[in-house]
Amino acid sequence: MSGALAAPLPGTAAAPSSSRGGNRKVLPGFNLTLGYTIFYLCLIVLIPLSALVLKTFTLSWDQFWTAVSSPRVLAAYRLTFGASFLAALVNVFFGLLVAWVLVRYNFPGKRLVDALVDLPFALPTAVAGISLTALLAGNGWIGQYLEPLGIQLAFNPNGVVIALIFIGLPFVVRTVQPVLEESEKELEEAAMCLGATRLQTFTKVILPSIAPALITGFAMAFARAIGEYGSVIFIAGNMPMVSEIVPLIIIGKLEQYDYGGATAVAAVMLFFSFVLLLVINALQAWQRRRAGGH
């Protein structure tokens, strides 16, 4: 009797077994996809970076140290990392503000504002640099009113910071925005019902929940800024020891056929970029653990 019940009804096809259906994959097998992934990463990422490192090893230690520690290069390090850090800090504040407005308020043109946040992603960096220069130079639309007051925003380190703020803002907004959307508003209402002020509600309830996303956004904006080139060279002025960034130093060494010096400086930037990548991944893992814990 049990065998009759287990048999398929006449005119119907037998259902595939769960084990057989579970083994079906949309993409080819694991070995093929893993092999292609490793091959692609080696071709696009690992081989060029390995060539950079191997070229650096052709230099003696004295040659390497001379290339990466000359006064002009050190000044470029200070400007690049200092301006990137300052721009990332500014973007943390304004990125949080923009994300808050986009999540918590409805207003005419909200979709347009939301799309404009991604404009630095789509806009060529050279176009961004030219546009900022046209606005902030002494004869620009805004600069012509600021320069008589003694405020010069172009062709100096101020222009570098402004350009890096422009290209780094979307990283903070897009990192914080989904966390704000998933935050529990009931906790904010409960805090207010218990007599908490708006500042206390923000610092005790909201900020702890979005702090990992803010830190991640800061790290991503900082990492993006230290490698920026196109939007900076037009507005920086590129004066040695004053407004010259590290990528421009590398380009200059290549134009002078100083390949060893260029790769040495690039290796230093690669090291810091790799460290920042590890930090970003650790922060994202921390953020996922916190979200899972809640």
C-alpha atoms as a PDB file:
ATOM      1  CA  MET A   1       0.000   0.000   0.000  1.00  0.00           C
ATOM      2  CA  SER A   2       2.764   2.392   0.865  1.00  0.00           C
ATOM      3  CA  GLY A   3       4.468   1.589  -2.438  1.00  0.00           C
ATOM      4  CA  ALA A   4       1.316   2.471  -4.343  1.00  0.00           C
ATOM      5  CA  LEU A   5       1.090   5.792  -2.552  1.00  0.00           C
ATOM      6  CA  ALA A   6       4.730   6.567  -3.297  1.00  0.00           C
ATOM      7  CA  ALA A   7       4.382   5.828  -7.017  1.00  0.00           C
ATOM      8  CA  PRO A   8       3.623   8.797  -9.343  1.00  0.00           C
ATOM      9  CA  LEU A   9       0.113   9.187 -10.623  1.00  0.00           C
ATOM     10  CA  PRO A  10      -0.614   8.051 -14.189  1.00  0.00           C
ATOM     11  CA  GLY A  11       0.088  10.795 -16.740  1.00  0.00           C
ATOM     12  CA  THR A  12       2.405  12.772 -14.485  1.00  0.00           C
ATOM     13  CA  ALA A  13       6.198  12.960 -14.581  1.00  0.00           C
ATOM     14  CA  ALA A  14       8.220  11.945 -11.629  1.00  0.00           C
ATOM     15  CA  ALA A  15       9.519  14.920  -9.636  1.00  0.00           C
ATOM     16  CA  PRO A  16      13.303  15.280  -9.727  1.00  0.00           C
ATOM     17  CA  SER A  17      15.067  14.229  -6.579  1.00  0.00           C
ATOM     18  CA  SER A  18      16.188  16.991  -4.245  1.00  0.00           C
ATOM     19  CA  SER A  19      19.791  15.885  -4.475  1.00  0.00           C
ATOM     20  CA  ARG A  20      19.771  16.007  -8.244  1.00  0.00           C
ATOM     21  CA  GLY A  21      18.003  19.386  -8.368  1.00  0.00           C
ATOM     22  CA  GLY A  22      20.313  20.807  -5.711  1.00  0.00           C
ATOM     23  CA  ASN A  23      23.393  20.079  -7.831  1.00  0.00           C
ATOM     24  CA  ARG A  24      22.203  22.059 -10.820  1.00  0.00           C
ATOM     25  CA  LYS A  25      24.099  25.339 -11.209  1.00  0.00           C
ATOM     26  CA  VAL A  26      23.346  28.392 -13.285  1.00  0.00           C
ATOM     27  CA  LEU A  27      27.058  28.913 -14.055  1.00  0.00           C
ATOM     28  CA  PRO A  28      29.560  26.193 -15.036  1.00  0.00           C
ATOM     29  CA  GLY A  29      31.242  24.041 -12.439  1.00  0.00           C
ATOM     30  CA  PHE A  30      33.298  25.305  -9.513  1.00  0.00           C
ATOM     31  CA  ASN A  31      36.663  24.324 -10.978  1.00  0.00           C
ATOM     32  CA  LEU A  32      36.046  26.198 -14.227  1.00  0.00           C
ATOM     33  CA  THR A  33      34.703  29.371 -12.622  1.00  0.00           C
ATOM     34  CA  LEU A  34      37.445  29.417  -9.969  1.00  0.00           C
ATOM     35  CA  GLY A  35      40.117  28.915 -12.610  1.00  0.00           C
ATOM     36  CA  TYR A  36      38.748  31.729 -14.740  1.00  0.00           C
ATOM     37  CA  THR A  37      38.509  34.008 -11.701  1.00  0.00           C
ATOM     38  CA  ILE A  38      42.125  33.399 -10.705  1.00  0.00           C
ATOM     39  CA  PHE A  39      43.302  33.823 -14.303  1.00  0.00           C
ATOM     40  CA  TYR A  40      41.399  37.112 -14.680  1.00  0.00           C
ATOM     41  CA  LEU A  41      42.683  38.502 -11.375  1.00  0.00           C
ATOM     42  CA  CYS A  42      46.255  37.534 -12.246  1.00  0.00           C
ATOM     43  CA  LEU A  43      46.000  39.116 -15.696  1.00  0.00           C
ATOM     44  CA  ILE A  44      44.387  42.378 -14.580  1.00  0.00           C
ATOM     45  CA  VAL A  45      45.666  42.878 -11.027  1.00  0.00           C
ATOM     46  CA  LEU A  46      48.441  40.607  -9.815  1.00  0.00           C
ATOM     47  CA  ILE A  47      50.756  40.646 -12.835  1.00  0.00           C
ATOM     48  CA  PRO A  48      50.915  44.486 -13.146  1.00  0.00           C
ATOM     49  CA  LEU A  49      51.403  44.873  -9.387  1.00  0.00           C
ATOM     50  CA  SER A  50      54.039  42.153  -9.374  1.00  0.00           C
ATOM     51  CA  ALA A  51      55.873  43.949 -12.178  1.00  0.00           C
ATOM     52  CA  LEU A  52      55.814  47.123 -10.066  1.00  0.00           C
ATOM     53  CA  VAL A  53      57.255  45.343  -7.040  1.00  0.00           C
ATOM     54  CA  LEU A  54      59.894  43.486  -9.068  1.00  0.00           C
ATOM     55  CA  LYS A  55      60.992  46.718 -10.749  1.00  0.00           C
ATOM     56  CA  THR A  56      61.397  48.265  -7.309  1.00  0.00           C
ATOM     57  CA  PHE A  57      63.674  45.394  -6.254  1.00  0.00           C
ATOM     58  CA  THR A  58      66.090  46.334  -9.031  1.00  0.00           C
ATOM     59  CA  LEU A  59      67.003  49.418  -6.982  1.00  0.00           C
ATOM     60  CA  SER A  60      69.471  49.311  -4.162  1.00  0.00           C
ATOM     61  CA  TRP A  61      68.260  50.375  -0.729  1.00  0.00           C
ATOM     62  CA  ASP A  62      70.088  53.705  -1.017  1.00  0.00           C
ATOM     63  CA  GLN A  63      68.518  54.386  -4.419  1.00  0.00           C
ATOM     64  CA  PHE A  64      65.076  53.457  -3.143  1.00  0.00           C
ATOM     65  CA  TRP A  65      65.384  55.603  -0.035  1.00  0.00           C
ATOM     66  CA  THR A  66      66.702  58.562  -2.034  1.00  0.00           C
ATOM     67  CA  ALA A  67      63.764  58.310  -4.435  1.00  0.00           C
ATOM     68  CA  VAL A  68      61.060  58.126  -1.776  1.00  0.00           C
ATOM     69  CA  SER A  69      62.520  60.546   0.780  1.00  0.00           C
ATOM     70  CA  SER A  70      63.630  63.560  -1.237  1.00  0.00           C
ATOM     71  CA  PRO A  71      62.226  66.874   0.067  1.00  0.00           C
ATOM     72  CA  ARG A  72      59.989  67.301  -2.968  1.00  0.00           C
ATOM     73  CA  VAL A  73      58.507  63.818  -2.585  1.00  0.00           C
ATOM     74  CA  LEU A  74      58.027  64.255   1.177  1.00  0.00           C
ATOM     75  CA  ALA A  75      56.171  67.515   0.545  1.00  0.00           C
ATOM     76  CA  ALA A  76      53.950  65.675  -1.931  1.00  0.00           C
ATOM     77  CA  TYR A  77      53.275  62.956   0.686  1.00  0.00           C
ATOM     78  CA  ARG A  78      52.274  65.553   3.263  1.00  0.00           C
ATOM     79  CA  LEU A  79      49.926  67.297   0.858  1.00  0.00           C
ATOM     80  CA  THR A  80      48.376  64.106  -0.537  1.00  0.00           C
ATOM     81  CA  PHE A  81      47.720  62.384   2.770  1.00  0.00           C
ATOM     82  CA  GLY A  82      46.903  65.576   4.672  1.00  0.00           C
ATOM     83  CA  ALA A  83      44.453  66.871   2.077  1.00  0.00           C
ATOM     84  CA  SER A  84      42.891  63.411   1.698  1.00  0.00           C
ATOM     85  CA  PHE A  85      42.406  63.090   5.457  1.00  0.00           C
ATOM     86  CA  LEU A  86      40.887  66.563   5.737  1.00  0.00           C
ATOM     87  CA  ALA A  87      38.591  65.985   2.750  1.00  0.00           C
ATOM     88  CA  ALA A  88      37.434  62.652   4.192  1.00  0.00           C
ATOM     89  CA  LEU A  89      36.647  64.322   7.536  1.00  0.00           C
ATOM     90  CA  VAL A  90      34.578  67.007   5.794  1.00  0.00           C
ATOM     91  CA  ASN A  91      32.778  64.325   3.806  1.00  0.00           C
ATOM     92  CA  VAL A  92      31.899  62.422   6.985  1.00  0.00           C
ATOM     93  CA  PHE A  93      29.955  65.437   8.271  1.00  0.00           C
ATOM     94  CA  PHE A  94      28.307  66.527   5.035  1.00  0.00           C
ATOM     95  CA  GLY A  95      27.850  62.952   3.793  1.00  0.00           C
ATOM     96  CA  LEU A  96      25.920  62.111   6.958  1.00  0.00           C
ATOM     97  CA  LEU A  97      23.831  65.267   6.517  1.00  0.00           C
ATOM     98  CA  VAL A  98      23.003  64.457   2.880  1.00  0.00           C
ATOM     99  CA  ALA A  99      22.179  60.834   3.707  1.00  0.00           C
ATOM    100  CA  TRP A 100      19.941  61.946   6.588  1.00  0.00           C
ATOM    101  CA  VAL A 101      17.981  64.330   4.374  1.00  0.00           C
ATOM    102  CA  LEU A 102      17.560  61.721   1.630  1.00  0.00           C
ATOM    103  CA  VAL A 103      16.347  59.051   4.069  1.00  0.00           C
ATOM    104  CA  ARG A 104      14.237  60.994   6.557  1.00  0.00           C
ATOM    105  CA  TYR A 105      12.542  63.666   4.413  1.00  0.00           C
ATOM    106  CA  ASN A 106      10.364  63.797   1.317  1.00  0.00           C
ATOM    107  CA  PHE A 107      10.643  66.911  -0.823  1.00  0.00           C
ATOM    108  CA  PRO A 108      10.228  67.927  -4.473  1.00  0.00           C
ATOM    109  CA  GLY A 109      13.215  66.912  -6.549  1.00  0.00           C
ATOM    110  CA  LYS A 110      14.381  64.256  -4.084  1.00  0.00           C
ATOM    111  CA  ARG A 111      15.147  61.747  -6.848  1.00  0.00           C
ATOM    112  CA  LEU A 112      17.173  64.369  -8.701  1.00  0.00           C
ATOM    113  CA  VAL A 113      19.220  65.156  -5.594  1.00  0.00           C
ATOM    114  CA  ASP A 114      19.718  61.434  -4.989  1.00  0.00           C
ATOM    115  CA  ALA A 115      20.995  61.023  -8.555  1.00  0.00           C
ATOM    116  CA  LEU A 116      23.309  64.036  -8.255  1.00  0.00           C
ATOM    117  CA  VAL A 117      25.099  62.372  -5.361  1.00  0.00           C
ATOM    118  CA  ASP A 118      26.446  59.800  -7.818  1.00  0.00           C
ATOM    119  CA  LEU A 119      27.608  62.435 -10.302  1.00  0.00           C
ATOM    120  CA  PRO A 120      31.282  62.276  -9.210  1.00  0.00           C
ATOM    121  CA  PHE A 121      31.188  58.543 -10.023  1.00  0.00           C
ATOM    122  CA  ALA A 122      30.024  59.140 -13.592  1.00  0.00           C
ATOM    123  CA  LEU A 123      31.779  62.424 -14.345  1.00  0.00           C
ATOM    124  CA  PRO A 124      35.292  62.154 -15.826  1.00  0.00           C
ATOM    125  CA  THR A 125      37.744  63.432 -13.251  1.00  0.00           C
ATOM    126  CA  ALA A 126      39.355  65.821 -15.727  1.00  0.00           C
ATOM    127  CA  VAL A 127      35.949  67.397 -16.401  1.00  0.00           C
ATOM    128  CA  ALA A 128      35.439  67.783 -12.657  1.00  0.00           C
ATOM    129  CA  GLY A 129      38.813  69.505 -12.304  1.00  0.00           C
ATOM    130  CA  ILE A 130      38.151  71.885 -15.180  1.00  0.00           C
ATOM    131  CA  SER A 131      34.688  72.710 -13.819  1.00  0.00           C
ATOM    132  CA  LEU A 132      35.998  73.425 -10.322  1.00  0.00           C
ATOM    133  CA  THR A 133      38.768  75.591 -11.754  1.00  0.00           C
ATOM    134  CA  ALA A 134      36.265  77.560 -13.851  1.00  0.00           C
ATOM    135  CA  LEU A 135      34.252  78.215 -10.683  1.00  0.00           C
ATOM    136  CA  LEU A 136      37.011  78.961  -8.164  1.00  0.00           C
ATOM    137  CA  ALA A 137      39.823  80.600 -10.171  1.00  0.00           C
ATOM    138  CA  GLY A 138      40.425  84.310  -9.776  1.00  0.00           C
ATOM    139  CA  ASN A 139      38.362  85.047 -12.887  1.00  0.00           C
ATOM    140  CA  GLY A 140      35.822  82.280 -12.202  1.00  0.00           C
ATOM    141  CA  TRP A 141      32.155  82.631 -11.348  1.00  0.00           C
ATOM    142  CA  ILE A 142      32.798  82.350  -7.607  1.00  0.00           C
ATOM    143  CA  GLY A 143      36.498  83.100  -7.351  1.00  0.00           C
ATOM    144  CA  GLN A 144      36.122  86.602  -8.774  1.00  0.00           C
ATOM    145  CA  TYR A 145      34.154  87.579  -5.667  1.00  0.00           C
ATOM    146  CA  LEU A 146      36.362  85.769  -3.158  1.00  0.00           C
ATOM    147  CA  GLU A 147      39.811  86.784  -4.392  1.00  0.00           C
ATOM    148  CA  PRO A 148      39.337  90.536  -3.630  1.00  0.00           C
ATOM    149  CA  LEU A 149      38.611  89.425  -0.056  1.00  0.00           C
ATOM    150  CA  GLY A 150      41.924  87.601   0.116  1.00  0.00           C
ATOM    151  CA  ILE A 151      40.349  84.141  -0.244  1.00  0.00           C
ATOM    152  CA  GLN A 152      42.063  82.074  -2.932  1.00  0.00           C
ATOM    153  CA  LEU A 153      40.620  78.594  -3.478  1.00  0.00           C
ATOM    154  CA  ALA A 154      42.361  77.609  -6.701  1.00  0.00           C
ATOM    155  CA  PHE A 155      46.003  76.878  -7.587  1.00  0.00           C
ATOM    156  CA  ASN A 156      46.992  76.104  -3.993  1.00  0.00           C
ATOM    157  CA  PRO A 157      46.397  73.337  -1.423  1.00  0.00           C
ATOM    158  CA  ASN A 158      42.865  74.651  -0.852  1.00  0.00           C
ATOM    159  CA  GLY A 159      41.968  73.601  -4.371  1.00  0.00           C
ATOM    160  CA  VAL A 160      43.333  70.110  -3.731  1.00  0.00           C
ATOM    161  CA  VAL A 161      41.094  69.685  -0.682  1.00  0.00           C
ATOM    162  CA  ILE A 162      38.023  70.951  -2.558  1.00  0.00           C
ATOM    163  CA  ALA A 163      38.597  68.561  -5.454  1.00  0.00           C
ATOM    164  CA  LEU A 164      39.031  65.631  -3.068  1.00  0.00           C
ATOM    165  CA  ILE A 165      35.845  66.567  -1.210  1.00  0.00           C
ATOM    166  CA  PHE A 166      33.989  66.537  -4.513  1.00  0.00           C
ATOM    167  CA  ILE A 167      35.120  63.058  -5.542  1.00  0.00           C
ATOM    168  CA  GLY A 168      34.812  61.532  -2.052  1.00  0.00           C
ATOM    169  CA  LEU A 169      31.315  62.602  -0.983  1.00  0.00           C
ATOM    170  CA  PRO A 170      29.398  59.730  -2.669  1.00  0.00           C
ATOM    171  CA  PHE A 171      31.389  57.106  -0.771  1.00  0.00           C
ATOM    172  CA  VAL A 172      30.154  58.373   2.588  1.00  0.00           C
ATOM    173  CA  VAL A 173      26.572  58.984   1.460  1.00  0.00           C
ATOM    174  CA  ARG A 174      26.125  55.580  -0.174  1.00  0.00           C
ATOM    175  CA  THR A 175      27.682  53.812   2.821  1.00  0.00           C
ATOM    176  CA  VAL A 176      25.584  55.548   5.481  1.00  0.00           C
ATOM    177  CA  GLN A 177      22.299  55.775   3.562  1.00  0.00           C
ATOM    178  CA  PRO A 178      21.269  52.079   3.715  1.00  0.00           C
ATOM    179  CA  VAL A 179      22.146  51.896   7.425  1.00  0.00           C
ATOM    180  CA  LEU A 180      19.905  54.874   8.161  1.00  0.00           C
ATOM    181  CA  GLU A 181      17.108  53.286   6.137  1.00  0.00           C
ATOM    182  CA  GLU A 182      17.313  50.102   8.214  1.00  0.00           C
ATOM    183  CA  SER A 183      17.631  51.839  11.590  1.00  0.00           C
ATOM    184  CA  GLU A 184      14.793  51.321  14.030  1.00  0.00           C
ATOM    185  CA  LYS A 185      12.898  54.571  14.489  1.00  0.00           C
ATOM    186  CA  GLU A 186      11.064  53.058  17.451  1.00  0.00           C
ATOM    187  CA  LEU A 187      14.253  53.373  19.493  1.00  0.00           C
ATOM    188  CA  GLU A 188      14.417  57.097  18.723  1.00  0.00           C
ATOM    189  CA  GLU A 189      10.763  57.553  19.672  1.00  0.00           C
ATOM    190  CA  ALA A 190      11.309  55.614  22.887  1.00  0.00           C
ATOM    191  CA  ALA A 191      14.289  57.791  23.793  1.00  0.00           C
ATOM    192  CA  MET A 192      12.258  60.952  23.214  1.00  0.00           C
ATOM    193  CA  CYS A 193       9.375  59.560  25.278  1.00  0.00           C
ATOM    194  CA  LEU A 194      11.820  58.970  28.124  1.00  0.00           C
ATOM    195  CA  GLY A 195      12.796  62.641  28.039  1.00  0.00           C
ATOM    196  CA  ALA A 196      15.963  62.558  25.930  1.00  0.00           C
ATOM    197  CA  THR A 197      16.818  65.704  24.014  1.00  0.00           C
ATOM    198  CA  ARG A 198      17.471  65.631  20.270  1.00  0.00           C
ATOM    199  CA  LEU A 199      21.209  65.778  20.886  1.00  0.00           C
ATOM    200  CA  GLN A 200      21.053  62.932  23.395  1.00  0.00           C
ATOM    201  CA  THR A 201      18.933  60.862  21.020  1.00  0.00           C
ATOM    202  CA  PHE A 202      21.442  61.387  18.233  1.00  0.00           C
ATOM    203  CA  THR A 203      24.567  60.715  20.303  1.00  0.00           C
ATOM    204  CA  LYS A 204      23.205  57.806  22.377  1.00  0.00           C
ATOM    205  CA  VAL A 205      20.856  56.041  19.931  1.00  0.00           C
ATOM    206  CA  ILE A 206      21.521  56.996  16.308  1.00  0.00           C
ATOM    207  CA  LEU A 207      25.276  57.588  16.228  1.00  0.00           C
ATOM    208  CA  PRO A 208      26.306  54.223  17.751  1.00  0.00           C
ATOM    209  CA  SER A 209      24.241  52.367  15.135  1.00  0.00           C
ATOM    210  CA  ILE A 210      25.709  54.244  12.169  1.00  0.00           C
ATOM    211  CA  ALA A 211      29.265  54.670  13.507  1.00  0.00           C
ATOM    212  CA  PRO A 212      30.662  51.596  11.660  1.00  0.00           C
ATOM    213  CA  ALA A 213      29.160  52.850   8.381  1.00  0.00           C
ATOM    214  CA  LEU A 214      30.567  56.336   8.975  1.00  0.00           C
ATOM    215  CA  ILE A 215      34.038  54.975   9.663  1.00  0.00           C
ATOM    216  CA  THR A 216      33.847  52.744   6.589  1.00  0.00           C
ATOM    217  CA  GLY A 217      32.727  55.684   4.447  1.00  0.00           C
ATOM    218  CA  PHE A 218      35.597  57.775   5.820  1.00  0.00           C
ATOM    219  CA  ALA A 219      38.127  55.050   4.993  1.00  0.00           C
ATOM    220  CA  MET A 220      36.746  54.599   1.466  1.00  0.00           C
ATOM    221  CA  ALA A 221      36.760  58.360   0.784  1.00  0.00           C
ATOM    222  CA  PHE A 222      40.305  58.633   2.145  1.00  0.00           C
ATOM    223  CA  ALA A 223      41.525  55.698   0.047  1.00  0.00           C
ATOM    224  CA  ARG A 224      39.912  57.155  -3.071  1.00  0.00           C
ATOM    225  CA  ALA A 225      41.422  60.576  -2.448  1.00  0.00           C
ATOM    226  CA  ILE A 226      45.055  59.530  -2.057  1.00  0.00           C
ATOM    227  CA  GLY A 227      45.068  58.103  -5.578  1.00  0.00           C
ATOM    228  CA  GLU A 228      43.144  60.914  -7.279  1.00  0.00           C
ATOM    229  CA  TYR A 229      44.846  62.644 -10.179  1.00  0.00           C
ATOM    230  CA  GLY A 230      42.584  64.019 -12.907  1.00  0.00           C
ATOM    231  CA  SER A 231      40.399  66.364 -10.869  1.00  0.00           C
ATOM    232  CA  VAL A 232      43.343  67.697  -8.840  1.00  0.00           C
ATOM    233  CA  ILE A 233      45.968  68.688 -11.400  1.00  0.00           C
ATOM    234  CA  PHE A 234      43.782  71.381 -12.974  1.00  0.00           C
ATOM    235  CA  ILE A 235      42.958  73.177  -9.737  1.00  0.00           C
ATOM    236  CA  ALA A 236      46.100  72.506  -7.667  1.00  0.00           C
ATOM    237  CA  GLY A 237      48.569  74.738  -9.509  1.00  0.00           C
ATOM    238  CA  ASN A 238      51.144  71.898  -9.307  1.00  0.00           C
ATOM    239  CA  MET A 239      53.833  74.025  -7.673  1.00  0.00           C
ATOM    240  CA  PRO A 240      56.714  71.917  -6.292  1.00  0.00           C
ATOM    241  CA  MET A 241      56.874  71.833  -2.489  1.00  0.00           C
ATOM    242  CA  VAL A 242      53.502  73.648  -2.335  1.00  0.00           C
ATOM    243  CA  SER A 243      50.658  72.055  -4.292  1.00  0.00           C
ATOM    244  CA  GLU A 244      52.172  69.009  -5.972  1.00  0.00           C
ATOM    245  CA  ILE A 245      50.512  65.644  -5.270  1.00  0.00           C
ATOM    246  CA  VAL A 246      52.180  62.221  -5.296  1.00  0.00           C
ATOM    247  CA  PRO A 247      50.544  60.948  -8.526  1.00  0.00           C
ATOM    248  CA  LEU A 248      51.935  63.993 -10.311  1.00  0.00           C
ATOM    249  CA  ILE A 249      55.394  63.200  -8.911  1.00  0.00           C
ATOM    250  CA  ILE A 250      55.114  59.706 -10.412  1.00  0.00           C
ATOM    251  CA  ILE A 251      54.000  61.069 -13.791  1.00  0.00           C
ATOM    252  CA  GLY A 252      56.878  63.560 -13.760  1.00  0.00           C
ATOM    253  CA  LYS A 253      59.444  60.841 -13.065  1.00  0.00           C
ATOM    254  CA  LEU A 254      58.059  58.721 -15.894  1.00  0.00           C
ATOM    255  CA  GLU A 255      58.295  61.658 -18.300  1.00  0.00           C
ATOM    256  CA  GLN A 256      61.943  62.051 -17.257  1.00  0.00           C
ATOM    257  CA  TYR A 257      62.536  58.307 -17.887  1.00  0.00           C
ATOM    258  CA  ASP A 258      63.270  57.802 -14.188  1.00  0.00           C
ATOM    259  CA  TYR A 259      61.393  54.489 -14.108  1.00  0.00           C
ATOM    260  CA  GLY A 260      63.149  53.304 -10.971  1.00  0.00           C
ATOM    261  CA  GLY A 261      62.212  56.427  -9.009  1.00  0.00           C
ATOM    262  CA  ALA A 262      58.639  56.318 -10.312  1.00  0.00           C
ATOM    263  CA  THR A 263      58.177  52.691  -9.292  1.00  0.00           C
ATOM    264  CA  ALA A 264      59.718  53.366  -5.868  1.00  0.00           C
ATOM    265  CA  VAL A 265      57.248  56.147  -5.121  1.00  0.00           C
ATOM    266  CA  ALA A 266      54.427  54.067  -6.593  1.00  0.00           C
ATOM    267  CA  ALA A 267      55.412  51.137  -4.351  1.00  0.00           C
ATOM    268  CA  VAL A 268      55.020  53.348  -1.288  1.00  0.00           C
ATOM    269  CA  MET A 269      51.555  54.384  -2.443  1.00  0.00           C
ATOM    270  CA  LEU A 270      50.731  50.734  -3.179  1.00  0.00           C
ATOM    271  CA  PHE A 271      51.699  49.789   0.366  1.00  0.00           C
ATOM    272  CA  PHE A 272      49.431  52.429   1.904  1.00  0.00           C
ATOM    273  CA  SER A 273      46.610  51.512  -0.470  1.00  0.00           C
ATOM    274  CA  PHE A 274      46.903  47.861   0.530  1.00  0.00           C
ATOM    275  CA  VAL A 275      46.806  48.771   4.220  1.00  0.00           C
ATOM    276  CA  LEU A 276      43.714  50.907   3.643  1.00  0.00           C
ATOM    277  CA  LEU A 277      42.095  48.041   1.752  1.00  0.00           C
ATOM    278  CA  LEU A 278      42.627  45.745   4.732  1.00  0.00           C
ATOM    279  CA  VAL A 279      41.210  48.404   7.056  1.00  0.00           C
ATOM    280  CA  ILE A 280      38.129  48.882   4.868  1.00  0.00           C
ATOM    281  CA  ASN A 281      37.483  45.143   4.712  1.00  0.00           C
ATOM    282  CA  ALA A 282      37.851  44.854   8.480  1.00  0.00           C
ATOM    283  CA  LEU A 283      35.455  47.756   9.026  1.00  0.00           C
ATOM    284  CA  GLN A 284      32.899  46.258   6.657  1.00  0.00           C
ATOM    285  CA  ALA A 285      33.122  42.920   8.481  1.00  0.00           C
ATOM    286  CA  TRP A 286      32.637  44.754  11.789  1.00  0.00           C
ATOM    287  CA  GLN A 287      29.621  46.541  10.354  1.00  0.00           C
ATOM    288  CA  ARG A 288      28.074  43.235   9.177  1.00  0.00           C
ATOM    289  CA  ARG A 289      28.639  41.655  12.619  1.00  0.00           C
ATOM    290  CA  ARG A 290      26.946  44.583  14.330  1.00  0.00           C
ATOM    291  CA  ALA A 291      24.033  44.447  11.921  1.00  0.00           C
ATOM    292  CA  GLY A 292      23.718  40.686  12.482  1.00  0.00           C
ATOM    293  CA  GLY A 293      23.834  41.174  16.215  1.00  0.00           C
ATOM    294  CA  HIS A 294      20.881  43.528  16.099  1.00  0.00           C
END
